[in-house]
Amino acid sequence: MHKYSKEIPFPETKFFTSIAKLEEKEDLDSVQSIAFMGRSNSGKSSLLNALSNHRGLAKVSKTPGKTKLINIFRTKVGFNLIDLPGFGYSKASHKEHKDMMNLLEGFLNSWKQLKVLFILCDSQREFPEEELSTIEVAMEKKIKPVVIRTKIDKLNQSGQHKVRTEMEDAMNEIGVPFRVFYISATTGRGIGELREFILETLGIQTNVSKVEP
């Protein structure tokens, strides 16, 4: 059973709309937005469900890489959470992978009110070079890149230390520090801290007092 963290109350979040192409976004990008990207099976849906404390918000597919739409969720205080299509799944063709990367690049180029790009990576896997390049691209476009290493509960202490060292090496390679969260949607580890970071970054205050988990 998922034990979602409630240290930091998060604004009520509901599904808003989906788009298949960036040309369909109309004025959706006029609202403050944060986006989540990651390879298929990186845990994006589980993270969105944990953030919102709503297990059914984002559907967790049994077939990784199936979702090709840009899914937009909106909070009651008016900012968007954007779930970008997963990419890099082993069963995807080269063309599908290229299309996904083109979509991501177009998204970063055109989404006007994108404040943060969350880059998810399963802690059980090495951090890919492609994601490292995405961090640099986001920085160039003045978008805050934030790495989320998911499923951290699957690792022992030695494994967790290795992941942290890996991220330090990545920062050294880029030459600029960036924020990293170590998250478990299953146990709730790091979820409250991530909620607080999002609200502070967007300059949003809630009237709800803190609730103990």
N, C-alpha and C. Protein backbone atom coordinates (compact mmCIF):
# COMPACT_ATOMS: atom_id res chain seq x y z
N MET A 1 0.84 -1.20 0.00
CA MET A 1 0.00 0.00 0.00
C MET A 1 0.88 1.25 0.00
N HIS A 2 0.50 2.25 -0.78
CA HIS A 2 1.25 3.50 -0.82
C HIS A 2 0.97 4.32 0.43
N LYS A 3 2.01 4.84 1.03
CA LYS A 3 1.89 5.69 2.21
C LYS A 3 2.32 7.09 1.80
N TYR A 4 1.38 7.89 1.37
CA TYR A 4 1.71 9.21 0.87
C TYR A 4 1.96 10.19 2.01
N SER A 5 2.99 11.00 1.83
CA SER A 5 3.40 11.97 2.85
C SER A 5 2.47 13.18 2.86
N LYS A 6 2.16 13.68 4.06
CA LYS A 6 1.27 14.83 4.17
C LYS A 6 1.90 15.98 4.96
N GLU A 7 3.23 16.01 5.07
CA GLU A 7 3.84 17.07 5.87
C GLU A 7 3.49 18.46 5.33
N ILE A 8 3.49 18.60 4.01
CA ILE A 8 3.18 19.89 3.39
C ILE A 8 1.88 19.75 2.60
N PRO A 9 0.79 20.39 3.03
CA PRO A 9 -0.47 20.32 2.30
C PRO A 9 -0.26 20.83 0.87
N PHE A 10 -0.83 20.15 -0.10
CA PHE A 10 -0.66 20.53 -1.50
C PHE A 10 -2.03 20.91 -2.06
N PRO A 11 -2.08 21.95 -2.90
CA PRO A 11 -3.38 22.38 -3.44
C PRO A 11 -4.07 21.23 -4.18
N GLU A 12 -5.37 21.18 -4.05
CA GLU A 12 -6.15 20.14 -4.72
C GLU A 12 -5.83 20.12 -6.22
N THR A 13 -5.58 18.94 -6.75
CA THR A 13 -5.18 18.80 -8.15
C THR A 13 -6.16 17.92 -8.89
N LYS A 14 -6.56 18.36 -10.09
CA LYS A 14 -7.49 17.58 -10.91
C LYS A 14 -7.01 17.55 -12.35
N PHE A 15 -7.40 16.49 -13.06
CA PHE A 15 -7.09 16.42 -14.48
C PHE A 15 -7.79 17.57 -15.20
N PHE A 16 -7.06 18.25 -16.11
CA PHE A 16 -7.61 19.40 -16.81
C PHE A 16 -7.85 19.09 -18.29
N THR A 17 -6.80 18.67 -19.00
CA THR A 17 -6.96 18.33 -20.42
C THR A 17 -5.72 17.59 -20.93
N SER A 18 -5.84 17.05 -22.13
CA SER A 18 -4.70 16.43 -22.80
C SER A 18 -4.57 17.02 -24.19
N ILE A 19 -3.34 17.12 -24.66
CA ILE A 19 -3.12 17.56 -26.03
C ILE A 19 -2.14 16.60 -26.70
N ALA A 20 -2.32 16.41 -27.99
CA ALA A 20 -1.45 15.50 -28.74
C ALA A 20 -0.32 16.25 -29.42
N LYS A 21 -0.56 17.53 -29.71
CA LYS A 21 0.45 18.34 -30.39
C LYS A 21 0.55 19.70 -29.71
N LEU A 22 1.73 20.29 -29.77
CA LEU A 22 1.94 21.59 -29.14
C LEU A 22 1.09 22.68 -29.78
N GLU A 23 0.72 22.47 -31.05
CA GLU A 23 -0.11 23.45 -31.73
C GLU A 23 -1.49 23.57 -31.09
N GLU A 24 -1.86 22.59 -30.28
CA GLU A 24 -3.17 22.58 -29.66
C GLU A 24 -3.20 23.31 -28.32
N LYS A 25 -2.07 23.82 -27.89
CA LYS A 25 -2.00 24.36 -26.53
C LYS A 25 -2.74 25.68 -26.34
N GLU A 26 -2.99 26.42 -27.42
CA GLU A 26 -3.70 27.69 -27.35
C GLU A 26 -3.14 28.56 -26.23
N ASP A 27 -3.96 28.89 -25.22
CA ASP A 27 -3.47 29.75 -24.13
C ASP A 27 -3.15 28.97 -22.87
N LEU A 28 -3.03 27.63 -22.98
CA LEU A 28 -2.71 26.81 -21.82
C LEU A 28 -1.38 27.21 -21.20
N ASP A 29 -0.46 27.70 -22.04
CA ASP A 29 0.87 28.04 -21.54
C ASP A 29 0.94 29.43 -20.92
N SER A 30 -0.21 30.07 -20.75
CA SER A 30 -0.23 31.38 -20.08
C SER A 30 -0.32 31.22 -18.56
N VAL A 31 -0.48 29.98 -18.11
CA VAL A 31 -0.58 29.66 -16.69
C VAL A 31 0.76 29.11 -16.19
N GLN A 32 1.17 29.53 -14.99
CA GLN A 32 2.40 28.98 -14.41
C GLN A 32 2.37 27.45 -14.44
N SER A 33 3.47 26.87 -14.91
CA SER A 33 3.48 25.42 -15.09
C SER A 33 4.79 24.79 -14.62
N ILE A 34 4.67 23.55 -14.15
CA ILE A 34 5.84 22.73 -13.89
C ILE A 34 5.62 21.44 -14.67
N ALA A 35 6.70 20.88 -15.22
CA ALA A 35 6.56 19.70 -16.08
C ALA A 35 7.41 18.55 -15.56
N PHE A 36 6.95 17.35 -15.84
CA PHE A 36 7.63 16.14 -15.41
C PHE A 36 7.96 15.30 -16.65
N MET A 37 9.24 15.01 -16.84
CA MET A 37 9.66 14.18 -17.94
C MET A 37 10.50 13.02 -17.42
N GLY A 38 10.53 11.95 -18.18
CA GLY A 38 11.34 10.81 -17.76
C GLY A 38 11.12 9.65 -18.69
N ARG A 39 12.05 8.73 -18.66
CA ARG A 39 11.90 7.54 -19.47
C ARG A 39 10.71 6.72 -18.96
N SER A 40 10.15 5.95 -19.86
CA SER A 40 9.02 5.11 -19.48
C SER A 40 9.41 4.22 -18.30
N ASN A 41 8.49 4.07 -17.38
CA ASN A 41 8.71 3.29 -16.16
C ASN A 41 9.62 3.98 -15.16
N SER A 42 9.76 5.31 -15.29
CA SER A 42 10.57 6.07 -14.33
C SER A 42 9.77 6.41 -13.08
N GLY A 43 8.46 6.23 -13.14
CA GLY A 43 7.62 6.49 -11.96
C GLY A 43 6.92 7.83 -11.98
N LYS A 44 6.70 8.41 -13.18
CA LYS A 44 6.04 9.72 -13.24
C LYS A 44 4.62 9.69 -12.70
N SER A 45 3.84 8.72 -13.14
CA SER A 45 2.44 8.65 -12.71
C SER A 45 2.34 8.46 -11.20
N SER A 46 3.16 7.57 -10.67
CA SER A 46 3.15 7.32 -9.23
C SER A 46 3.54 8.57 -8.46
N LEU A 47 4.50 9.34 -8.99
CA LEU A 47 4.92 10.57 -8.32
C LEU A 47 3.80 11.60 -8.32
N LEU A 48 3.14 11.78 -9.46
CA LEU A 48 2.04 12.74 -9.54
C LEU A 48 0.92 12.36 -8.58
N ASN A 49 0.65 11.07 -8.47
CA ASN A 49 -0.38 10.62 -7.54
C ASN A 49 0.02 10.90 -6.09
N ALA A 50 1.29 10.69 -5.79
CA ALA A 50 1.78 10.94 -4.43
C ALA A 50 1.78 12.43 -4.10
N LEU A 51 2.20 13.25 -5.05
CA LEU A 51 2.22 14.70 -4.83
C LEU A 51 0.83 15.23 -4.51
N SER A 52 -0.15 14.75 -5.25
CA SER A 52 -1.52 15.24 -5.09
C SER A 52 -2.28 14.49 -4.00
N ASN A 53 -1.64 13.42 -3.47
CA ASN A 53 -2.29 12.54 -2.50
C ASN A 53 -3.60 11.97 -3.08
N HIS A 54 -3.55 11.68 -4.38
CA HIS A 54 -4.72 11.19 -5.11
C HIS A 54 -4.27 10.01 -5.96
N ARG A 55 -4.52 8.79 -5.48
CA ARG A 55 -3.99 7.60 -6.13
C ARG A 55 -4.46 7.41 -7.57
N GLY A 56 -5.63 7.98 -7.91
CA GLY A 56 -6.16 7.77 -9.25
C GLY A 56 -5.96 8.94 -10.18
N LEU A 57 -5.18 9.94 -9.78
CA LEU A 57 -5.02 11.13 -10.61
C LEU A 57 -4.38 10.79 -11.95
N ALA A 58 -3.20 10.20 -11.91
CA ALA A 58 -2.51 9.79 -13.13
C ALA A 58 -2.52 8.27 -13.19
N LYS A 59 -2.95 7.74 -14.28
CA LYS A 59 -3.06 6.30 -14.41
C LYS A 59 -1.70 5.66 -14.64
N VAL A 60 -1.39 4.67 -13.82
CA VAL A 60 -0.13 3.95 -13.94
C VAL A 60 -0.33 2.82 -14.95
N SER A 61 0.30 2.94 -16.09
CA SER A 61 0.11 1.97 -17.16
C SER A 61 0.93 0.71 -16.93
N LYS A 62 0.33 -0.43 -17.26
CA LYS A 62 1.07 -1.69 -17.19
C LYS A 62 1.96 -1.88 -18.42
N THR A 63 1.76 -0.99 -19.40
CA THR A 63 2.57 -1.05 -20.61
C THR A 63 3.37 0.24 -20.72
N PRO A 64 4.61 0.26 -20.20
CA PRO A 64 5.42 1.48 -20.24
C PRO A 64 5.57 2.01 -21.65
N GLY A 65 5.48 3.35 -21.77
CA GLY A 65 5.66 3.98 -23.08
C GLY A 65 4.39 4.10 -23.87
N LYS A 66 3.26 3.67 -23.28
CA LYS A 66 2.00 3.67 -24.01
C LYS A 66 1.45 5.08 -24.20
N THR A 67 1.60 5.93 -23.19
CA THR A 67 1.03 7.26 -23.24
C THR A 67 1.83 8.17 -24.17
N LYS A 68 1.14 8.77 -25.14
CA LYS A 68 1.80 9.65 -26.09
C LYS A 68 1.29 11.10 -25.98
N LEU A 69 0.33 11.32 -25.09
CA LEU A 69 -0.27 12.64 -24.95
C LEU A 69 0.45 13.47 -23.89
N ILE A 70 0.31 14.78 -23.99
CA ILE A 70 0.75 15.69 -22.94
C ILE A 70 -0.45 15.88 -22.02
N ASN A 71 -0.38 15.34 -20.82
CA ASN A 71 -1.49 15.42 -19.88
C ASN A 71 -1.28 16.59 -18.91
N ILE A 72 -2.31 17.40 -18.79
CA ILE A 72 -2.23 18.61 -17.97
C ILE A 72 -3.18 18.51 -16.79
N PHE A 73 -2.63 18.70 -15.61
CA PHE A 73 -3.40 18.70 -14.38
C PHE A 73 -3.34 20.12 -13.80
N ARG A 74 -4.42 20.55 -13.16
CA ARG A 74 -4.45 21.91 -12.62
C ARG A 74 -4.82 21.89 -11.14
N THR A 75 -4.11 22.73 -10.37
CA THR A 75 -4.39 22.83 -8.94
C THR A 75 -5.44 23.90 -8.69
N LYS A 76 -6.02 23.87 -7.49
CA LYS A 76 -7.08 24.83 -7.18
C LYS A 76 -6.55 26.26 -7.06
N VAL A 77 -5.22 26.41 -6.91
CA VAL A 77 -4.66 27.76 -6.85
C VAL A 77 -4.15 28.20 -8.22
N GLY A 78 -4.38 27.35 -9.25
CA GLY A 78 -4.21 27.84 -10.61
C GLY A 78 -2.92 27.54 -11.35
N PHE A 79 -2.05 26.67 -10.86
CA PHE A 79 -0.88 26.33 -11.67
C PHE A 79 -1.02 24.92 -12.22
N ASN A 80 -0.31 24.68 -13.32
CA ASN A 80 -0.42 23.40 -14.02
C ASN A 80 0.71 22.44 -13.64
N LEU A 81 0.37 21.17 -13.54
CA LEU A 81 1.34 20.09 -13.49
C LEU A 81 1.22 19.37 -14.83
N ILE A 82 2.32 19.28 -15.56
CA ILE A 82 2.28 18.71 -16.90
C ILE A 82 3.06 17.41 -16.94
N ASP A 83 2.38 16.36 -17.36
CA ASP A 83 2.97 15.03 -17.48
C ASP A 83 3.33 14.82 -18.95
N LEU A 84 4.62 14.89 -19.26
CA LEU A 84 5.08 14.70 -20.63
C LEU A 84 5.17 13.22 -20.96
N PRO A 85 4.97 12.85 -22.22
CA PRO A 85 5.03 11.42 -22.60
C PRO A 85 6.38 10.81 -22.24
N GLY A 86 6.34 9.57 -21.80
CA GLY A 86 7.59 8.87 -21.50
C GLY A 86 8.37 8.58 -22.77
N PHE A 87 9.67 8.48 -22.66
CA PHE A 87 10.49 8.21 -23.84
C PHE A 87 11.60 7.23 -23.47
N GLY A 88 12.19 6.65 -24.50
CA GLY A 88 13.35 5.81 -24.27
C GLY A 88 13.05 4.38 -23.90
N TYR A 89 11.78 3.99 -23.96
CA TYR A 89 11.46 2.60 -23.62
C TYR A 89 12.05 1.66 -24.67
N SER A 90 12.53 0.53 -24.24
CA SER A 90 13.26 -0.37 -25.12
C SER A 90 12.44 -0.87 -26.30
N LYS A 91 11.11 -0.95 -26.14
CA LYS A 91 10.28 -1.46 -27.22
C LYS A 91 9.89 -0.36 -28.22
N ALA A 92 10.21 0.87 -27.91
CA ALA A 92 9.88 1.96 -28.83
C ALA A 92 10.84 1.96 -30.00
N SER A 93 10.32 2.31 -31.17
CA SER A 93 11.17 2.36 -32.35
C SER A 93 12.05 3.60 -32.30
N HIS A 94 13.05 3.61 -33.17
CA HIS A 94 13.93 4.78 -33.26
C HIS A 94 13.13 6.02 -33.62
N LYS A 95 12.16 5.87 -34.52
CA LYS A 95 11.34 7.00 -34.93
C LYS A 95 10.50 7.52 -33.77
N GLU A 96 9.91 6.59 -33.00
CA GLU A 96 9.10 7.01 -31.85
C GLU A 96 9.95 7.77 -30.84
N HIS A 97 11.15 7.27 -30.60
CA HIS A 97 12.05 7.95 -29.67
C HIS A 97 12.40 9.34 -30.17
N LYS A 98 12.72 9.44 -31.45
CA LYS A 98 13.06 10.74 -32.05
C LYS A 98 11.89 11.70 -31.96
N ASP A 99 10.67 11.19 -32.21
CA ASP A 99 9.48 12.03 -32.13
C ASP A 99 9.28 12.56 -30.71
N MET A 100 9.53 11.71 -29.72
CA MET A 100 9.38 12.13 -28.33
C MET A 100 10.39 13.22 -27.97
N MET A 101 11.63 13.06 -28.43
CA MET A 101 12.65 14.04 -28.13
C MET A 101 12.36 15.37 -28.84
N ASN A 102 11.82 15.29 -30.04
CA ASN A 102 11.43 16.51 -30.76
C ASN A 102 10.29 17.22 -30.04
N LEU A 103 9.36 16.41 -29.50
CA LEU A 103 8.25 16.99 -28.74
C LEU A 103 8.77 17.71 -27.50
N LEU A 104 9.72 17.07 -26.80
CA LEU A 104 10.29 17.68 -25.60
C LEU A 104 11.00 18.99 -25.94
N GLU A 105 11.80 18.97 -27.01
CA GLU A 105 12.51 20.19 -27.40
C GLU A 105 11.53 21.30 -27.77
N GLY A 106 10.49 20.93 -28.51
CA GLY A 106 9.48 21.92 -28.87
C GLY A 106 8.75 22.47 -27.66
N PHE A 107 8.52 21.60 -26.69
CA PHE A 107 7.85 22.01 -25.46
C PHE A 107 8.70 23.04 -24.71
N LEU A 108 9.99 22.75 -24.56
CA LEU A 108 10.89 23.66 -23.85
C LEU A 108 11.01 25.00 -24.59
N ASN A 109 10.92 24.95 -25.90
CA ASN A 109 11.05 26.17 -26.71
C ASN A 109 9.81 27.05 -26.67
N SER A 110 8.65 26.42 -26.49
CA SER A 110 7.41 27.17 -26.72
C SER A 110 6.52 27.40 -25.51
N TRP A 111 6.69 26.62 -24.44
CA TRP A 111 5.76 26.76 -23.31
C TRP A 111 6.15 28.00 -22.49
N LYS A 112 5.36 29.05 -22.60
CA LYS A 112 5.74 30.37 -22.09
C LYS A 112 5.95 30.43 -20.59
N GLN A 113 5.06 29.79 -19.84
CA GLN A 113 5.11 29.92 -18.37
C GLN A 113 5.67 28.69 -17.68
N LEU A 114 6.57 27.98 -18.36
CA LEU A 114 7.20 26.81 -17.74
C LEU A 114 8.28 27.28 -16.77
N LYS A 115 8.09 26.99 -15.50
CA LYS A 115 9.01 27.46 -14.46
C LYS A 115 10.04 26.41 -14.05
N VAL A 116 9.61 25.15 -14.01
CA VAL A 116 10.50 24.07 -13.56
C VAL A 116 10.31 22.85 -14.46
N LEU A 117 11.42 22.22 -14.84
CA LEU A 117 11.36 20.94 -15.54
C LEU A 117 11.93 19.89 -14.60
N PHE A 118 11.07 18.97 -14.17
CA PHE A 118 11.50 17.87 -13.31
C PHE A 118 11.90 16.70 -14.20
N ILE A 119 13.11 16.24 -14.02
CA ILE A 119 13.67 15.15 -14.83
C ILE A 119 13.78 13.92 -13.95
N LEU A 120 12.94 12.93 -14.22
CA LEU A 120 12.87 11.74 -13.37
C LEU A 120 13.79 10.64 -13.90
N CYS A 121 14.40 9.94 -12.95
CA CYS A 121 15.23 8.80 -13.31
C CYS A 121 15.17 7.77 -12.18
N ASP A 122 14.86 6.55 -12.52
CA ASP A 122 14.81 5.44 -11.58
C ASP A 122 16.18 5.31 -10.89
N SER A 123 16.20 5.32 -9.56
CA SER A 123 17.45 5.23 -8.81
C SER A 123 18.20 3.93 -9.07
N GLN A 124 17.49 2.93 -9.58
CA GLN A 124 18.12 1.64 -9.84
C GLN A 124 18.87 1.63 -11.17
N ARG A 125 18.76 2.71 -11.92
CA ARG A 125 19.43 2.82 -13.21
C ARG A 125 20.47 3.94 -13.18
N GLU A 126 21.44 3.87 -14.07
CA GLU A 126 22.42 4.95 -14.17
C GLU A 126 21.76 6.17 -14.81
N PHE A 127 22.25 7.34 -14.45
CA PHE A 127 21.69 8.58 -14.99
C PHE A 127 22.17 8.75 -16.44
N PRO A 128 21.25 8.76 -17.42
CA PRO A 128 21.64 8.77 -18.84
C PRO A 128 22.22 10.10 -19.30
N GLU A 129 23.07 10.02 -20.31
CA GLU A 129 23.71 11.21 -20.90
C GLU A 129 22.66 12.13 -21.51
N GLU A 130 21.59 11.57 -22.04
CA GLU A 130 20.54 12.36 -22.68
C GLU A 130 19.86 13.28 -21.67
N GLU A 131 19.64 12.76 -20.47
CA GLU A 131 19.04 13.58 -19.41
C GLU A 131 20.00 14.68 -18.98
N LEU A 132 21.28 14.37 -18.98
CA LEU A 132 22.27 15.38 -18.63
C LEU A 132 22.24 16.52 -19.64
N SER A 133 22.10 16.19 -20.91
CA SER A 133 22.00 17.20 -21.96
C SER A 133 20.74 18.03 -21.80
N THR A 134 19.64 17.38 -21.36
CA THR A 134 18.38 18.10 -21.16
C THR A 134 18.52 19.13 -20.06
N ILE A 135 19.28 18.82 -19.02
CA ILE A 135 19.52 19.78 -17.95
C ILE A 135 20.20 21.02 -18.50
N GLU A 136 21.19 20.83 -19.33
CA GLU A 136 21.92 21.95 -19.92
C GLU A 136 21.01 22.79 -20.82
N VAL A 137 20.17 22.11 -21.61
CA VAL A 137 19.24 22.82 -22.49
C VAL A 137 18.27 23.67 -21.67
N ALA A 138 17.74 23.10 -20.59
CA ALA A 138 16.80 23.83 -19.73
C ALA A 138 17.47 25.07 -19.14
N MET A 139 18.71 24.92 -18.70
CA MET A 139 19.44 26.06 -18.14
C MET A 139 19.62 27.16 -19.18
N GLU A 140 19.92 26.76 -20.41
CA GLU A 140 20.10 27.73 -21.48
C GLU A 140 18.83 28.52 -21.74
N LYS A 141 17.68 27.87 -21.54
CA LYS A 141 16.40 28.50 -21.80
C LYS A 141 15.82 29.17 -20.55
N LYS A 142 16.64 29.27 -19.50
CA LYS A 142 16.24 29.92 -18.25
C LYS A 142 15.09 29.18 -17.57
N ILE A 143 15.04 27.86 -17.76
CA ILE A 143 14.06 27.02 -17.08
C ILE A 143 14.81 26.24 -16.00
N LYS A 144 14.27 26.23 -14.78
CA LYS A 144 14.96 25.55 -13.68
C LYS A 144 14.87 24.04 -13.85
N PRO A 145 16.03 23.35 -14.02
CA PRO A 145 15.99 21.89 -14.08
C PRO A 145 16.15 21.30 -12.69
N VAL A 146 15.33 20.31 -12.38
CA VAL A 146 15.41 19.63 -11.09
C VAL A 146 15.35 18.13 -11.35
N VAL A 147 16.32 17.41 -10.81
CA VAL A 147 16.37 15.96 -11.00
C VAL A 147 15.66 15.26 -9.84
N ILE A 148 14.84 14.27 -10.18
CA ILE A 148 14.19 13.45 -9.17
C ILE A 148 14.62 12.01 -9.38
N ARG A 149 15.36 11.47 -8.42
CA ARG A 149 15.72 10.05 -8.47
C ARG A 149 14.62 9.29 -7.74
N THR A 150 13.86 8.54 -8.49
CA THR A 150 12.69 7.85 -7.94
C THR A 150 13.05 6.46 -7.42
N LYS A 151 12.10 5.86 -6.71
CA LYS A 151 12.23 4.49 -6.19
C LYS A 151 13.47 4.31 -5.32
N ILE A 152 13.80 5.35 -4.56
CA ILE A 152 15.00 5.30 -3.72
C ILE A 152 14.87 4.23 -2.64
N ASP A 153 13.64 3.85 -2.30
CA ASP A 153 13.42 2.83 -1.27
C ASP A 153 13.89 1.45 -1.72
N LYS A 154 14.12 1.27 -3.02
CA LYS A 154 14.56 -0.02 -3.54
C LYS A 154 16.05 -0.28 -3.29
N LEU A 155 16.77 0.75 -2.85
CA LEU A 155 18.22 0.63 -2.67
C LEU A 155 18.61 0.55 -1.20
N ASN A 156 19.69 -0.17 -0.92
CA ASN A 156 20.24 -0.17 0.43
C ASN A 156 21.12 1.07 0.62
N GLN A 157 21.73 1.22 1.77
CA GLN A 157 22.52 2.41 2.06
C GLN A 157 23.65 2.60 1.06
N SER A 158 24.31 1.50 0.71
CA SER A 158 25.41 1.57 -0.25
C SER A 158 24.93 2.05 -1.61
N GLY A 159 23.76 1.52 -2.02
CA GLY A 159 23.20 1.91 -3.31
C GLY A 159 22.78 3.36 -3.34
N GLN A 160 22.23 3.84 -2.22
CA GLN A 160 21.81 5.23 -2.14
C GLN A 160 23.03 6.17 -2.19
N HIS A 161 24.09 5.77 -1.53
CA HIS A 161 25.32 6.57 -1.56
C HIS A 161 25.86 6.64 -2.99
N LYS A 162 25.78 5.54 -3.71
CA LYS A 162 26.26 5.51 -5.09
C LYS A 162 25.47 6.47 -5.97
N VAL A 163 24.15 6.51 -5.78
CA VAL A 163 23.29 7.41 -6.56
C VAL A 163 23.65 8.87 -6.27
N ARG A 164 23.86 9.20 -5.00
CA ARG A 164 24.21 10.58 -4.64
C ARG A 164 25.56 10.97 -5.23
N THR A 165 26.51 10.05 -5.21
CA THR A 165 27.82 10.31 -5.81
C THR A 165 27.69 10.53 -7.31
N GLU A 166 26.83 9.74 -7.93
CA GLU A 166 26.59 9.87 -9.37
C GLU A 166 26.06 11.26 -9.71
N MET A 167 25.15 11.78 -8.88
CA MET A 167 24.58 13.10 -9.15
C MET A 167 25.61 14.21 -8.89
N GLU A 168 26.48 14.02 -7.93
CA GLU A 168 27.55 14.98 -7.69
C GLU A 168 28.49 15.03 -8.90
N ASP A 169 28.78 13.86 -9.46
CA ASP A 169 29.63 13.78 -10.64
C ASP A 169 28.96 14.48 -11.83
N ALA A 170 27.63 14.33 -11.94
CA ALA A 170 26.89 14.97 -13.03
C ALA A 170 26.98 16.49 -12.92
N MET A 171 26.86 17.00 -11.69
CA MET A 171 26.98 18.45 -11.48
C MET A 171 28.37 18.93 -11.85
N ASN A 172 29.37 18.16 -11.48
CA ASN A 172 30.74 18.53 -11.81
C ASN A 172 30.96 18.55 -13.31
N GLU A 173 30.32 17.62 -14.01
CA GLU A 173 30.46 17.55 -15.47
C GLU A 173 29.85 18.77 -16.14
N ILE A 174 28.67 19.18 -15.64
CA ILE A 174 28.01 20.36 -16.20
C ILE A 174 28.70 21.63 -15.74
N GLY A 175 29.19 21.61 -14.50
CA GLY A 175 29.86 22.79 -13.96
C GLY A 175 28.95 23.74 -13.24
N VAL A 176 27.67 23.36 -13.10
CA VAL A 176 26.69 24.19 -12.41
C VAL A 176 25.84 23.28 -11.52
N PRO A 177 25.65 23.64 -10.25
CA PRO A 177 24.83 22.80 -9.38
C PRO A 177 23.35 22.88 -9.75
N PHE A 178 22.62 21.82 -9.51
CA PHE A 178 21.18 21.81 -9.71
C PHE A 178 20.57 20.99 -8.57
N ARG A 179 19.29 21.20 -8.34
CA ARG A 179 18.61 20.55 -7.22
C ARG A 179 18.30 19.10 -7.56
N VAL A 180 18.49 18.22 -6.58
CA VAL A 180 18.18 16.81 -6.73
C VAL A 180 17.33 16.35 -5.55
N PHE A 181 16.25 15.62 -5.85
CA PHE A 181 15.41 15.03 -4.81
C PHE A 181 15.50 13.51 -4.93
N TYR A 182 15.52 12.86 -3.77
CA TYR A 182 15.55 11.40 -3.72
C TYR A 182 14.21 10.96 -3.14
N ILE A 183 13.39 10.33 -3.99
CA ILE A 183 11.97 10.16 -3.70
C ILE A 183 11.54 8.70 -3.70
N SER A 184 10.56 8.40 -2.85
CA SER A 184 9.85 7.13 -2.94
C SER A 184 8.36 7.42 -2.88
N ALA A 185 7.66 7.18 -3.99
CA ALA A 185 6.22 7.36 -3.99
C ALA A 185 5.53 6.29 -3.15
N THR A 186 6.20 5.18 -2.94
CA THR A 186 5.63 4.07 -2.18
C THR A 186 5.61 4.37 -0.68
N THR A 187 6.74 4.86 -0.14
CA THR A 187 6.84 5.13 1.30
C THR A 187 6.52 6.57 1.65
N GLY A 188 6.53 7.47 0.64
CA GLY A 188 6.30 8.88 0.90
C GLY A 188 7.58 9.66 1.16
N ARG A 189 8.72 8.99 1.14
CA ARG A 189 9.98 9.68 1.41
C ARG A 189 10.24 10.80 0.40
N GLY A 190 10.47 12.00 0.91
CA GLY A 190 10.81 13.14 0.07
C GLY A 190 9.64 13.85 -0.56
N ILE A 191 8.43 13.30 -0.45
CA ILE A 191 7.27 13.90 -1.11
C ILE A 191 6.92 15.26 -0.50
N GLY A 192 6.91 15.34 0.83
CA GLY A 192 6.61 16.61 1.50
C GLY A 192 7.61 17.69 1.14
N GLU A 193 8.88 17.33 1.10
CA GLU A 193 9.93 18.29 0.76
C GLU A 193 9.75 18.78 -0.68
N LEU A 194 9.36 17.88 -1.58
CA LEU A 194 9.16 18.26 -2.98
C LEU A 194 7.95 19.18 -3.12
N ARG A 195 6.87 18.89 -2.39
CA ARG A 195 5.70 19.76 -2.42
C ARG A 195 6.07 21.18 -1.97
N GLU A 196 6.81 21.25 -0.89
CA GLU A 196 7.20 22.55 -0.34
C GLU A 196 8.06 23.31 -1.35
N PHE A 197 8.99 22.61 -2.00
CA PHE A 197 9.86 23.23 -3.00
C PHE A 197 9.03 23.81 -4.15
N ILE A 198 8.04 23.06 -4.62
CA ILE A 198 7.21 23.52 -5.73
C ILE A 198 6.47 24.80 -5.36
N LEU A 199 5.83 24.80 -4.20
CA LEU A 199 5.06 25.97 -3.78
C LEU A 199 5.96 27.19 -3.58
N GLU A 200 7.13 26.99 -2.98
CA GLU A 200 8.06 28.10 -2.76
C GLU A 200 8.59 28.64 -4.08
N THR A 201 8.91 27.74 -5.01
CA THR A 201 9.44 28.16 -6.30
C THR A 201 8.43 28.98 -7.08
N LEU A 202 7.16 28.60 -6.99
CA LEU A 202 6.11 29.32 -7.71
C LEU A 202 5.57 30.51 -6.93
N GLY A 203 6.07 30.71 -5.72
CA GLY A 203 5.63 31.85 -4.91
C GLY A 203 4.21 31.71 -4.42
N ILE A 204 3.81 30.48 -4.10
CA ILE A 204 2.43 30.22 -3.69
C ILE A 204 2.38 29.88 -2.21
N GLN A 205 1.46 30.52 -1.51
CA GLN A 205 1.23 30.23 -0.11
C GLN A 205 -0.16 29.63 0.05
N THR A 206 -0.29 28.64 0.92
CA THR A 206 -1.61 28.06 1.18
C THR A 206 -2.04 28.44 2.59
N ASN A 207 -3.34 28.45 2.78
CA ASN A 207 -3.91 28.79 4.10
C ASN A 207 -4.08 27.57 4.97
N VAL A 208 -3.69 26.42 4.43
CA VAL A 208 -3.86 25.18 5.18
C VAL A 208 -2.66 24.96 6.08
N SER A 209 -2.90 24.68 7.34
CA SER A 209 -1.79 24.46 8.27
C SER A 209 -1.17 23.11 8.00
N LYS A 210 0.05 22.93 8.46
CA LYS A 210 0.75 21.67 8.26
C LYS A 210 0.04 20.54 9.00
N VAL A 211 0.06 19.39 8.36
CA VAL A 211 -0.58 18.21 8.93
C VAL A 211 0.46 17.13 9.11
N GLU A 212 0.47 16.49 10.24
CA GLU A 212 1.43 15.43 10.48
C GLU A 212 1.03 14.20 9.67
N PRO A 213 2.02 13.44 9.16
CA PRO A 213 1.69 12.25 8.37
C PRO A 213 1.04 11.20 9.24
